[in-house]
N, C-alpha and C. Protein backbone atom coordinates (compact mmCIF):
# COMPACT_ATOMS: atom_id res chain seq x y z
N MET A 1 61.21 112.79 115.59
CA MET A 1 60.18 112.96 114.58
C MET A 1 60.84 113.47 113.33
N SER A 2 60.47 112.84 112.24
CA SER A 2 61.29 113.13 111.08
C SER A 2 60.41 113.95 109.98
N ALA A 3 59.23 114.23 110.29
CA ALA A 3 58.36 115.10 109.35
C ALA A 3 59.00 116.47 109.29
N LYS A 4 58.75 117.04 108.18
CA LYS A 4 59.36 118.48 107.83
C LYS A 4 58.49 119.30 108.60
N LEU A 5 58.84 119.84 109.81
CA LEU A 5 58.09 120.76 110.57
C LEU A 5 58.84 122.02 110.71
N THR A 6 58.09 123.16 110.65
CA THR A 6 58.86 124.52 110.99
C THR A 6 59.22 124.47 112.46
N LYS A 7 60.08 125.47 112.75
CA LYS A 7 60.44 125.58 114.17
C LYS A 7 59.40 125.79 115.14
N LYS A 8 58.43 126.59 114.72
CA LYS A 8 57.27 126.87 115.47
C LYS A 8 56.37 125.61 115.70
N GLN A 9 56.20 124.82 114.59
CA GLN A 9 55.47 123.55 114.71
C GLN A 9 55.99 122.67 115.62
N LYS A 10 57.38 122.52 115.54
CA LYS A 10 58.18 121.68 116.42
C LYS A 10 57.93 121.98 117.95
N GLN A 11 58.06 123.27 118.06
CA GLN A 11 57.72 123.82 119.58
C GLN A 11 56.41 123.47 119.96
N ILE A 12 55.39 123.60 119.18
CA ILE A 12 53.97 123.26 119.55
C ILE A 12 53.98 121.57 119.89
N VAL A 13 54.46 120.85 118.87
CA VAL A 13 54.44 119.42 119.10
C VAL A 13 55.22 119.09 120.43
N ASP A 14 56.43 119.56 120.70
CA ASP A 14 57.19 119.43 121.95
C ASP A 14 56.34 119.75 123.13
N PHE A 15 55.65 121.05 123.08
CA PHE A 15 54.91 121.54 124.24
C PHE A 15 53.78 120.52 124.46
N ILE A 16 53.00 120.09 123.51
CA ILE A 16 51.89 119.22 123.71
C ILE A 16 52.49 117.83 124.29
N SER A 17 53.59 117.39 123.77
CA SER A 17 54.25 116.06 124.35
C SER A 17 54.46 116.26 125.79
N ALA A 18 55.19 117.30 126.18
CA ALA A 18 55.46 117.61 127.59
C ALA A 18 54.35 117.69 128.31
N PHE A 19 53.17 118.54 127.99
CA PHE A 19 52.00 118.77 128.63
C PHE A 19 51.40 117.41 128.93
N VAL A 20 51.28 116.59 127.98
CA VAL A 20 50.50 115.35 128.01
C VAL A 20 51.31 114.34 129.02
N GLU A 21 52.66 114.42 128.85
CA GLU A 21 53.41 113.60 129.87
C GLU A 21 53.28 114.00 131.32
N GLU A 22 53.17 115.37 131.50
CA GLU A 22 52.94 115.85 132.90
C GLU A 22 51.48 115.81 133.39
N HIS A 23 50.59 115.95 132.59
CA HIS A 23 49.15 115.98 133.03
C HIS A 23 48.21 114.91 132.67
N ASN A 24 48.72 113.97 131.72
CA ASN A 24 47.90 112.98 131.35
C ASN A 24 46.61 113.32 130.48
N TYR A 25 46.65 114.48 130.00
CA TYR A 25 45.64 114.91 128.99
C TYR A 25 46.21 116.10 128.16
N SER A 26 45.80 116.27 127.12
CA SER A 26 46.31 117.31 126.11
C SER A 26 46.03 118.81 126.60
N PRO A 27 46.80 119.78 126.25
CA PRO A 27 46.43 121.21 126.55
C PRO A 27 45.44 121.69 125.71
N SER A 28 44.86 122.68 126.24
CA SER A 28 43.71 123.48 125.38
C SER A 28 44.53 124.36 124.48
N TYR A 29 43.90 124.98 123.50
CA TYR A 29 44.57 125.88 122.61
C TYR A 29 44.99 127.13 123.41
N ARG A 30 44.18 127.55 124.41
CA ARG A 30 44.62 128.62 125.25
C ARG A 30 45.88 128.47 126.07
N GLU A 31 46.01 127.23 126.53
CA GLU A 31 47.20 126.82 127.28
C GLU A 31 48.43 126.76 126.43
N ILE A 32 48.28 126.17 125.07
CA ILE A 32 49.34 126.26 124.19
C ILE A 32 49.74 127.85 123.85
N MET A 33 48.78 128.59 123.66
CA MET A 33 49.05 130.05 123.35
C MET A 33 49.88 130.54 124.51
N SER A 34 49.43 130.44 125.68
CA SER A 34 50.19 130.99 126.81
C SER A 34 51.47 130.39 127.07
N GLY A 35 51.51 129.09 126.91
CA GLY A 35 52.85 128.36 127.13
C GLY A 35 53.96 128.70 126.16
N LEU A 36 53.48 129.03 124.87
CA LEU A 36 54.46 129.41 123.80
C LEU A 36 54.60 130.92 123.54
N GLY A 37 53.70 131.62 124.24
CA GLY A 37 53.65 133.06 123.87
C GLY A 37 53.22 133.40 122.56
N LEU A 38 52.19 132.71 122.10
CA LEU A 38 51.54 132.99 120.76
C LEU A 38 50.59 134.09 120.91
N SER A 39 50.36 134.83 119.69
CA SER A 39 49.50 136.01 119.78
C SER A 39 47.93 135.87 119.91
N SER A 40 47.40 134.65 119.47
CA SER A 40 46.02 134.34 119.66
C SER A 40 45.76 132.99 119.67
N VAL A 41 44.52 132.61 120.01
CA VAL A 41 44.01 131.26 119.89
C VAL A 41 43.81 130.83 118.41
N SER A 42 43.49 131.77 117.62
CA SER A 42 43.33 131.47 116.14
C SER A 42 44.77 131.07 115.50
N ALA A 43 45.81 131.74 116.03
CA ALA A 43 47.06 131.30 115.64
C ALA A 43 47.48 129.82 115.95
N VAL A 44 47.06 129.48 117.14
CA VAL A 44 47.28 128.18 117.62
C VAL A 44 46.32 127.06 116.75
N ALA A 45 45.22 127.58 116.50
CA ALA A 45 44.26 126.74 115.71
C ALA A 45 44.88 126.47 114.30
N GLU A 46 45.41 127.56 113.70
CA GLU A 46 45.96 127.37 112.40
C GLU A 46 47.18 126.36 112.45
N HIS A 47 48.05 126.54 113.57
CA HIS A 47 49.20 125.67 113.49
C HIS A 47 48.72 124.12 113.77
N ILE A 48 47.83 124.01 114.67
CA ILE A 48 47.26 122.73 114.92
C ILE A 48 46.65 122.09 113.66
N ASP A 49 45.87 122.85 112.92
CA ASP A 49 45.22 122.34 111.65
C ASP A 49 46.37 121.89 110.70
N ASN A 50 47.42 122.78 110.58
CA ASN A 50 48.57 122.32 109.77
C ASN A 50 49.24 121.02 110.16
N LEU A 51 49.37 120.98 111.48
CA LEU A 51 50.11 119.79 112.14
C LEU A 51 49.21 118.48 111.90
N VAL A 52 47.86 118.58 112.05
CA VAL A 52 47.04 117.47 111.71
C VAL A 52 47.18 117.01 110.21
N GLU A 53 47.31 118.11 109.49
CA GLU A 53 47.31 117.86 107.96
C GLU A 53 48.66 117.17 107.55
N LYS A 54 49.68 117.55 108.22
CA LYS A 54 51.08 116.98 108.15
C LYS A 54 51.13 115.60 108.74
N GLY A 55 50.11 115.20 109.41
CA GLY A 55 50.01 113.90 110.13
C GLY A 55 50.88 113.86 111.45
N ALA A 56 51.31 114.99 111.94
CA ALA A 56 52.10 115.08 113.25
C ALA A 56 51.25 115.05 114.48
N LEU A 57 49.93 115.41 114.18
CA LEU A 57 48.98 115.48 115.42
C LEU A 57 47.72 114.77 114.76
N LYS A 58 47.02 114.22 115.83
CA LYS A 58 45.74 113.68 115.66
C LYS A 58 44.78 114.44 116.69
N LYS A 59 43.48 114.77 116.19
CA LYS A 59 42.48 115.23 117.20
C LYS A 59 41.19 114.72 116.81
N THR A 60 40.24 114.71 117.78
CA THR A 60 38.93 114.20 117.54
C THR A 60 38.00 115.46 117.55
N PRO A 61 37.45 115.76 116.32
CA PRO A 61 36.60 116.86 116.10
C PRO A 61 35.55 116.96 117.13
N GLY A 62 35.25 118.13 117.72
CA GLY A 62 34.18 118.33 118.71
C GLY A 62 34.51 117.80 120.09
N THR A 63 35.71 117.33 120.33
CA THR A 63 36.07 116.96 121.66
C THR A 63 37.22 117.71 122.17
N ALA A 64 37.03 118.15 123.39
CA ALA A 64 37.96 119.05 124.06
C ALA A 64 39.17 118.26 124.48
N ARG A 65 40.44 118.79 124.39
CA ARG A 65 41.69 118.21 124.82
C ARG A 65 41.87 116.71 124.14
N SER A 66 41.70 116.76 122.91
CA SER A 66 41.95 115.38 122.27
C SER A 66 43.09 115.44 121.39
N LEU A 67 44.02 116.28 121.55
CA LEU A 67 45.26 116.30 120.77
C LEU A 67 46.22 115.18 121.09
N GLU A 68 46.66 114.57 120.03
CA GLU A 68 47.54 113.39 120.29
C GLU A 68 48.84 113.49 119.40
N VAL A 69 49.94 113.43 119.88
CA VAL A 69 51.17 113.55 119.03
C VAL A 69 51.33 112.23 118.40
N VAL A 70 51.55 112.18 117.06
CA VAL A 70 51.80 111.12 116.24
C VAL A 70 53.27 110.71 116.11
N ASP A 71 53.74 109.49 116.43
CA ASP A 71 55.17 109.12 116.28
C ASP A 71 55.38 109.05 114.70
N LEU A 72 56.21 109.95 114.33
CA LEU A 72 56.44 109.94 112.74
C LEU A 72 57.87 109.22 112.58
N SER A 73 58.39 108.58 113.49
CA SER A 73 59.68 107.87 113.24
C SER A 73 59.48 106.66 112.59
N PHE A 74 58.29 106.06 112.50
CA PHE A 74 57.99 104.82 111.76
C PHE A 74 58.95 103.73 112.17
N PRO A 75 59.06 103.36 113.43
CA PRO A 75 60.09 102.24 113.75
C PRO A 75 60.06 100.92 112.98
N GLU A 76 58.82 100.53 112.71
CA GLU A 76 58.79 99.26 111.97
C GLU A 76 59.19 99.41 110.48
N THR A 77 58.93 100.52 109.94
CA THR A 77 59.29 100.84 108.52
C THR A 77 60.91 100.95 108.44
N THR A 78 61.41 101.72 109.40
CA THR A 78 62.78 101.92 109.58
C THR A 78 63.63 100.58 109.68
N ALA A 79 63.04 99.80 110.53
CA ALA A 79 63.69 98.47 110.77
C ALA A 79 63.69 97.49 109.47
N LEU A 80 62.52 97.67 108.62
CA LEU A 80 62.43 96.93 107.56
C LEU A 80 63.45 97.39 106.52
N PHE A 81 63.55 98.72 106.38
CA PHE A 81 64.48 99.25 105.38
C PHE A 81 65.81 98.86 105.74
N GLN A 82 66.33 98.96 107.01
CA GLN A 82 67.60 98.69 107.43
C GLN A 82 67.96 97.18 107.22
N LEU A 83 66.87 96.22 107.27
CA LEU A 83 67.12 94.91 107.09
C LEU A 83 67.35 94.63 105.61
N LYS A 84 66.50 95.23 104.71
CA LYS A 84 66.65 95.06 103.33
C LYS A 84 67.97 95.58 102.76
N LEU A 85 68.42 96.71 103.42
CA LEU A 85 69.71 97.31 102.87
C LEU A 85 70.91 96.38 103.21
N LYS A 86 70.89 95.68 104.12
CA LYS A 86 71.99 94.75 104.48
C LYS A 86 72.26 93.73 103.32
N SER A 87 71.23 93.24 102.60
CA SER A 87 71.46 92.28 101.53
C SER A 87 71.05 92.87 100.23
N ALA A 88 70.88 94.11 99.98
CA ALA A 88 70.57 94.67 98.86
C ALA A 88 71.87 95.01 97.84
N SER A 89 71.53 94.86 96.59
CA SER A 89 72.64 95.12 95.79
C SER A 89 72.95 96.61 95.77
N GLU A 90 73.97 97.10 95.12
CA GLU A 90 74.23 98.55 95.18
C GLU A 90 73.18 99.40 94.54
N GLU A 91 72.64 98.88 93.36
CA GLU A 91 71.55 99.62 92.75
C GLU A 91 70.22 99.67 93.61
N ASP A 92 69.93 98.50 94.21
CA ASP A 92 68.79 98.47 95.04
C ASP A 92 68.96 99.25 96.28
N ALA A 93 70.10 99.20 96.85
CA ALA A 93 70.45 100.05 98.06
C ALA A 93 70.29 101.54 97.81
N GLY A 94 70.74 101.94 96.55
CA GLY A 94 70.50 103.27 96.15
C GLY A 94 68.92 103.73 96.12
N THR A 95 68.23 102.78 95.56
CA THR A 95 66.66 102.97 95.49
C THR A 95 66.11 103.05 96.81
N LEU A 96 66.57 102.03 97.77
CA LEU A 96 66.01 102.10 98.95
C LEU A 96 66.36 103.34 99.84
N LEU A 97 67.58 103.88 99.59
CA LEU A 97 67.98 105.04 100.41
C LEU A 97 67.23 106.23 99.91
N ARG A 98 66.99 106.38 98.55
CA ARG A 98 66.22 107.49 98.07
C ARG A 98 64.73 107.47 98.53
N ALA A 99 64.14 106.12 98.57
CA ALA A 99 62.83 106.08 99.09
C ALA A 99 62.73 106.37 100.64
N ALA A 100 63.73 106.01 101.47
CA ALA A 100 63.69 106.34 102.80
C ALA A 100 63.68 107.84 102.97
N GLU A 101 64.63 108.50 102.14
CA GLU A 101 64.74 110.07 102.26
C GLU A 101 63.33 110.53 101.92
N LEU A 102 62.69 110.16 100.96
CA LEU A 102 61.32 110.70 100.56
C LEU A 102 60.37 110.56 101.59
N LEU A 103 60.45 109.44 102.32
CA LEU A 103 59.62 109.05 103.46
C LEU A 103 59.92 109.78 104.70
N GLY A 104 61.23 110.36 104.78
CA GLY A 104 61.54 111.09 105.89
C GLY A 104 62.10 110.14 107.04
N LEU A 105 62.60 108.87 106.66
CA LEU A 105 63.02 107.88 107.53
C LEU A 105 64.50 108.20 107.90
N ASP A 106 64.89 108.00 109.24
CA ASP A 106 66.12 108.22 109.77
C ASP A 106 66.76 106.78 109.78
N LEU A 107 67.57 106.33 108.88
CA LEU A 107 68.18 105.03 108.89
C LEU A 107 69.41 104.93 109.69
N GLY A 108 69.79 105.94 110.19
CA GLY A 108 71.10 106.04 111.04
C GLY A 108 72.29 106.17 110.01
N ALA A 109 73.43 106.13 110.60
CA ALA A 109 74.66 106.31 109.72
C ALA A 109 75.26 105.12 109.12
């Protein structure tokens, strides 16, 4: 995931991913709180809201256990950038690399 997440936000996203993989449904806020040792359900809710705003999570309002981790690696976009870089002029390559950095794409070495 290449979005700019705080350490705690990354822990929450990783926890949700692992939980969903193990249980086939997303954790409740209370399970996230317990699993990560957070101080309150409202602290979890604030982190979740921030992660939804950043696009790292999706949730369905009014629905329990609807958290979904969003793949922010953008594989199709990354592949397109890599393809364009192969035939780009030096100037265009610089522009593409700056754009990829702004988008948070990992184009590899």
